Amino acid sequence: MKFDQFTVALLVLRPDAPEMDDEVATALQDAHMAHLADLHDAGYLVAAGPLLGPQDREFRGLSILTVDAERAKALKEQDPAVRAGRFSVQIFPWIVPAGALTFAPARFPRSMADTET
């Protein structure tokens, strides 16, 4: 049996994450979203989004990347929210039976303003 390989990346809220005012937090969120859109546009990222639930939980976001674990870690560590110390990244190689997952073309929002209807 053949398998497709992906890398799953989890964004984890750091216990020592810096406190930010609303303006700084909004700018950082927009930079984070632009980074994800850039990864998607480059063909590295096929899916990403927040993990919903209580705001006090540590796992905040999940991404599925098409690159190996080492490259995924390097790309995710370039995320402005990771670089700012808000999140750390956990990386997991993931295999599924070939063809089990397909991803339709999508447009990733570059900021929170792009998500408003």
C-alpha atoms as a PDB file:
ATOM      1  CA  MET A   1       0.000   0.000   0.000  1.00  0.00           C
ATOM      2  CA  LYS A   2       1.203   3.498  -0.829  1.00  0.00           C
ATOM      3  CA  PHE A   3       0.992   6.407   1.569  1.00  0.00           C
ATOM      4  CA  ASP A   4       0.914  10.180   1.275  1.00  0.00           C
ATOM      5  CA  GLN A   5       3.016  12.036   3.806  1.00  0.00           C
ATOM      6  CA  PHE A   6       2.111  15.352   5.396  1.00  0.00           C
ATOM      7  CA  THR A   7       3.355  17.231   8.423  1.00  0.00           C
ATOM      8  CA  VAL A   8       0.982  18.417  11.131  1.00  0.00           C
ATOM      9  CA  ALA A   9       2.064  21.475  13.083  1.00  0.00           C
ATOM     10  CA  LEU A  10       0.394  22.530  16.322  1.00  0.00           C
ATOM     11  CA  LEU A  11       0.694  26.054  17.646  1.00  0.00           C
ATOM     12  CA  VAL A  12       0.994  25.954  21.416  1.00  0.00           C
ATOM     13  CA  LEU A  13       0.402  28.990  23.622  1.00  0.00           C
ATOM     14  CA  ARG A  14       3.575  29.548  25.603  1.00  0.00           C
ATOM     15  CA  PRO A  15       3.134  29.850  29.363  1.00  0.00           C
ATOM     16  CA  ASP A  16       5.550  32.797  29.241  1.00  0.00           C
ATOM     17  CA  ALA A  17       3.820  34.501  26.289  1.00  0.00           C
ATOM     18  CA  PRO A  18       4.217  38.269  26.471  1.00  0.00           C
ATOM     19  CA  GLU A  19       1.236  40.399  27.465  1.00  0.00           C
ATOM     20  CA  MET A  20       0.042  42.594  24.585  1.00  0.00           C
ATOM     21  CA  ASP A  21      -2.423  45.414  24.260  1.00  0.00           C
ATOM     22  CA  ASP A  22      -5.242  44.995  21.728  1.00  0.00           C
ATOM     23  CA  GLU A  23      -3.508  47.004  19.009  1.00  0.00           C
ATOM     24  CA  VAL A  24      -0.296  44.971  19.184  1.00  0.00           C
ATOM     25  CA  ALA A  25      -2.204  41.671  19.439  1.00  0.00           C
ATOM     26  CA  THR A  26      -4.303  42.559  16.361  1.00  0.00           C
ATOM     27  CA  ALA A  27      -1.220  43.485  14.336  1.00  0.00           C
ATOM     28  CA  LEU A  28       0.485  40.255  15.368  1.00  0.00           C
ATOM     29  CA  GLN A  29      -2.591  38.191  14.425  1.00  0.00           C
ATOM     30  CA  ASP A  30      -2.677  39.849  11.008  1.00  0.00           C
ATOM     31  CA  ALA A  31       1.044  39.127  10.500  1.00  0.00           C
ATOM     32  CA  HIS A  32       0.440  35.505  11.543  1.00  0.00           C
ATOM     33  CA  MET A  33      -2.401  35.158   9.032  1.00  0.00           C
ATOM     34  CA  ALA A  34      -0.326  36.761   6.257  1.00  0.00           C
ATOM     35  CA  HIS A  35       2.438  34.256   6.983  1.00  0.00           C
ATOM     36  CA  LEU A  36      -0.021  31.358   6.644  1.00  0.00           C
ATOM     37  CA  ALA A  37      -1.343  32.813   3.372  1.00  0.00           C
ATOM     38  CA  ASP A  38       2.229  33.097   2.072  1.00  0.00           C
ATOM     39  CA  LEU A  39       2.927  29.443   2.968  1.00  0.00           C
ATOM     40  CA  HIS A  40      -0.282  28.420   1.194  1.00  0.00           C
ATOM     41  CA  ASP A  41       0.525  30.512  -1.880  1.00  0.00           C
ATOM     42  CA  ALA A  42       3.976  28.858  -2.029  1.00  0.00           C
ATOM     43  CA  GLY A  43       2.355  25.398  -2.000  1.00  0.00           C
ATOM     44  CA  TYR A  44       3.684  24.365   1.433  1.00  0.00           C
ATOM     45  CA  LEU A  45       0.430  24.658   3.401  1.00  0.00           C
ATOM     46  CA  VAL A  46      -2.821  22.905   2.468  1.00  0.00           C
ATOM     47  CA  ALA A  47      -4.936  23.609   5.555  1.00  0.00           C
ATOM     48  CA  ALA A  48      -4.704  25.720   8.695  1.00  0.00           C
ATOM     49  CA  GLY A  49      -6.965  27.155  11.329  1.00  0.00           C
ATOM     50  CA  PRO A  50      -7.579  27.786  14.980  1.00  0.00           C
ATOM     51  CA  LEU A  51      -8.521  25.011  17.367  1.00  0.00           C
ATOM     52  CA  LEU A  52     -11.781  26.117  18.944  1.00  0.00           C
ATOM     53  CA  GLY A  53     -12.517  25.811  22.622  1.00  0.00           C
ATOM     54  CA  PRO A  54     -11.795  27.576  25.862  1.00  0.00           C
ATOM     55  CA  GLN A  55      -9.247  30.379  25.603  1.00  0.00           C
ATOM     56  CA  ASP A  56      -7.199  28.997  28.495  1.00  0.00           C
ATOM     57  CA  ARG A  57      -6.175  25.844  26.631  1.00  0.00           C
ATOM     58  CA  GLU A  58      -2.643  25.497  25.327  1.00  0.00           C
ATOM     59  CA  PHE A  59      -3.293  24.192  21.774  1.00  0.00           C
ATOM     60  CA  ARG A  60      -4.327  27.133  19.598  1.00  0.00           C
ATOM     61  CA  GLY A  61      -3.871  26.228  15.929  1.00  0.00           C
ATOM     62  CA  LEU A  62      -3.301  23.349  13.544  1.00  0.00           C
ATOM     63  CA  SER A  63      -1.648  23.348  10.141  1.00  0.00           C
ATOM     64  CA  ILE A  64      -1.163  20.610   7.564  1.00  0.00           C
ATOM     65  CA  LEU A  65       1.899  21.041   5.398  1.00  0.00           C
ATOM     66  CA  THR A  66       3.142  19.201   2.315  1.00  0.00           C
ATOM     67  CA  VAL A  67       6.812  19.342   3.298  1.00  0.00           C
ATOM     68  CA  ASP A  68       8.885  17.083   5.537  1.00  0.00           C
ATOM     69  CA  ALA A  69       9.003  17.677   9.280  1.00  0.00           C
ATOM     70  CA  GLU A  70      12.332  19.513   9.280  1.00  0.00           C
ATOM     71  CA  ARG A  71      11.228  21.970   6.596  1.00  0.00           C
ATOM     72  CA  ALA A  72       7.801  22.392   8.241  1.00  0.00           C
ATOM     73  CA  LYS A  73       9.447  23.279  11.554  1.00  0.00           C
ATOM     74  CA  ALA A  74      11.676  25.852   9.878  1.00  0.00           C
ATOM     75  CA  LEU A  75       8.722  27.415   8.028  1.00  0.00           C
ATOM     76  CA  LYS A  76       6.483  27.500  11.101  1.00  0.00           C
ATOM     77  CA  GLU A  77       9.241  29.008  13.249  1.00  0.00           C
ATOM     78  CA  GLN A  78       9.269  31.973  10.844  1.00  0.00           C
ATOM     79  CA  ASP A  79       5.682  32.772  11.880  1.00  0.00           C
ATOM     80  CA  PRO A  80       5.654  36.267  13.435  1.00  0.00           C
ATOM     81  CA  ALA A  81       3.569  34.983  16.385  1.00  0.00           C
ATOM     82  CA  VAL A  82       6.188  32.297  17.078  1.00  0.00           C
ATOM     83  CA  ARG A  83       9.037  34.771  16.701  1.00  0.00           C
ATOM     84  CA  ALA A  84       7.267  37.152  19.099  1.00  0.00           C
ATOM     85  CA  GLY A  85       7.197  34.426  21.765  1.00  0.00           C
ATOM     86  CA  ARG A  86       3.407  33.978  21.810  1.00  0.00           C
ATOM     87  CA  PHE A  87       3.463  30.413  20.466  1.00  0.00           C
ATOM     88  CA  SER A  88       5.781  27.469  20.224  1.00  0.00           C
ATOM     89  CA  VAL A  89       5.449  24.814  17.539  1.00  0.00           C
ATOM     90  CA  GLN A  90       5.065  21.052  17.823  1.00  0.00           C
ATOM     91  CA  ILE A  91       5.650  19.045  14.648  1.00  0.00           C
ATOM     92  CA  PHE A  92       4.293  15.603  13.780  1.00  0.00           C
ATOM     93  CA  PRO A  93       4.971  13.655  10.570  1.00  0.00           C
ATOM     94  CA  TRP A  94       1.693  12.110   9.421  1.00  0.00           C
ATOM     95  CA  ILE A  95       0.975   9.465   6.805  1.00  0.00           C
ATOM     96  CA  VAL A  96      -2.364   8.471   5.333  1.00  0.00           C
ATOM     97  CA  PRO A  97      -3.291   5.947   2.642  1.00  0.00           C
ATOM     98  CA  ALA A  98      -2.498   7.453  -0.753  1.00  0.00           C
ATOM     99  CA  GLY A  99      -5.395   9.512  -2.043  1.00  0.00           C
ATOM    100  CA  ALA A 100      -7.302   9.477   1.271  1.00  0.00           C
ATOM    101  CA  LEU A 101      -7.074  13.255   1.524  1.00  0.00           C
ATOM    102  CA  THR A 102      -7.556  15.848  -1.140  1.00  0.00           C
ATOM    103  CA  PHE A 103      -7.509  19.576  -0.705  1.00  0.00           C
ATOM    104  CA  ALA A 104      -9.506  21.919  -2.915  1.00  0.00           C
ATOM    105  CA  PRO A 105      -8.064  25.227  -4.068  1.00  0.00           C
ATOM    106  CA  ALA A 106      -8.721  27.895  -1.462  1.00  0.00           C
ATOM    107  CA  ARG A 107      -7.837  31.476  -0.664  1.00  0.00           C
ATOM    108  CA  PHE A 108      -6.331  32.008   2.763  1.00  0.00           C
ATOM    109  CA  PRO A 109      -7.170  35.310   4.482  1.00  0.00           C
ATOM    110  CA  ARG A 110      -4.218  37.646   4.982  1.00  0.00           C
ATOM    111  CA  SER A 111      -5.744  39.493   7.971  1.00  0.00           C
ATOM    112  CA  MET A 112      -8.707  39.460  10.317  1.00  0.00           C
ATOM    113  CA  ALA A 113     -10.319  42.077   8.079  1.00  0.00           C
ATOM    114  CA  ASP A 114     -10.436  39.446   5.309  1.00  0.00           C
ATOM    115  CA  THR A 115     -12.523  37.166   7.556  1.00  0.00           C
ATOM    116  CA  GLU A 116     -15.342  39.617   8.184  1.00  0.00           C
ATOM    117  CA  THR A 117     -18.509  39.283   6.166  1.00  0.00           C
END
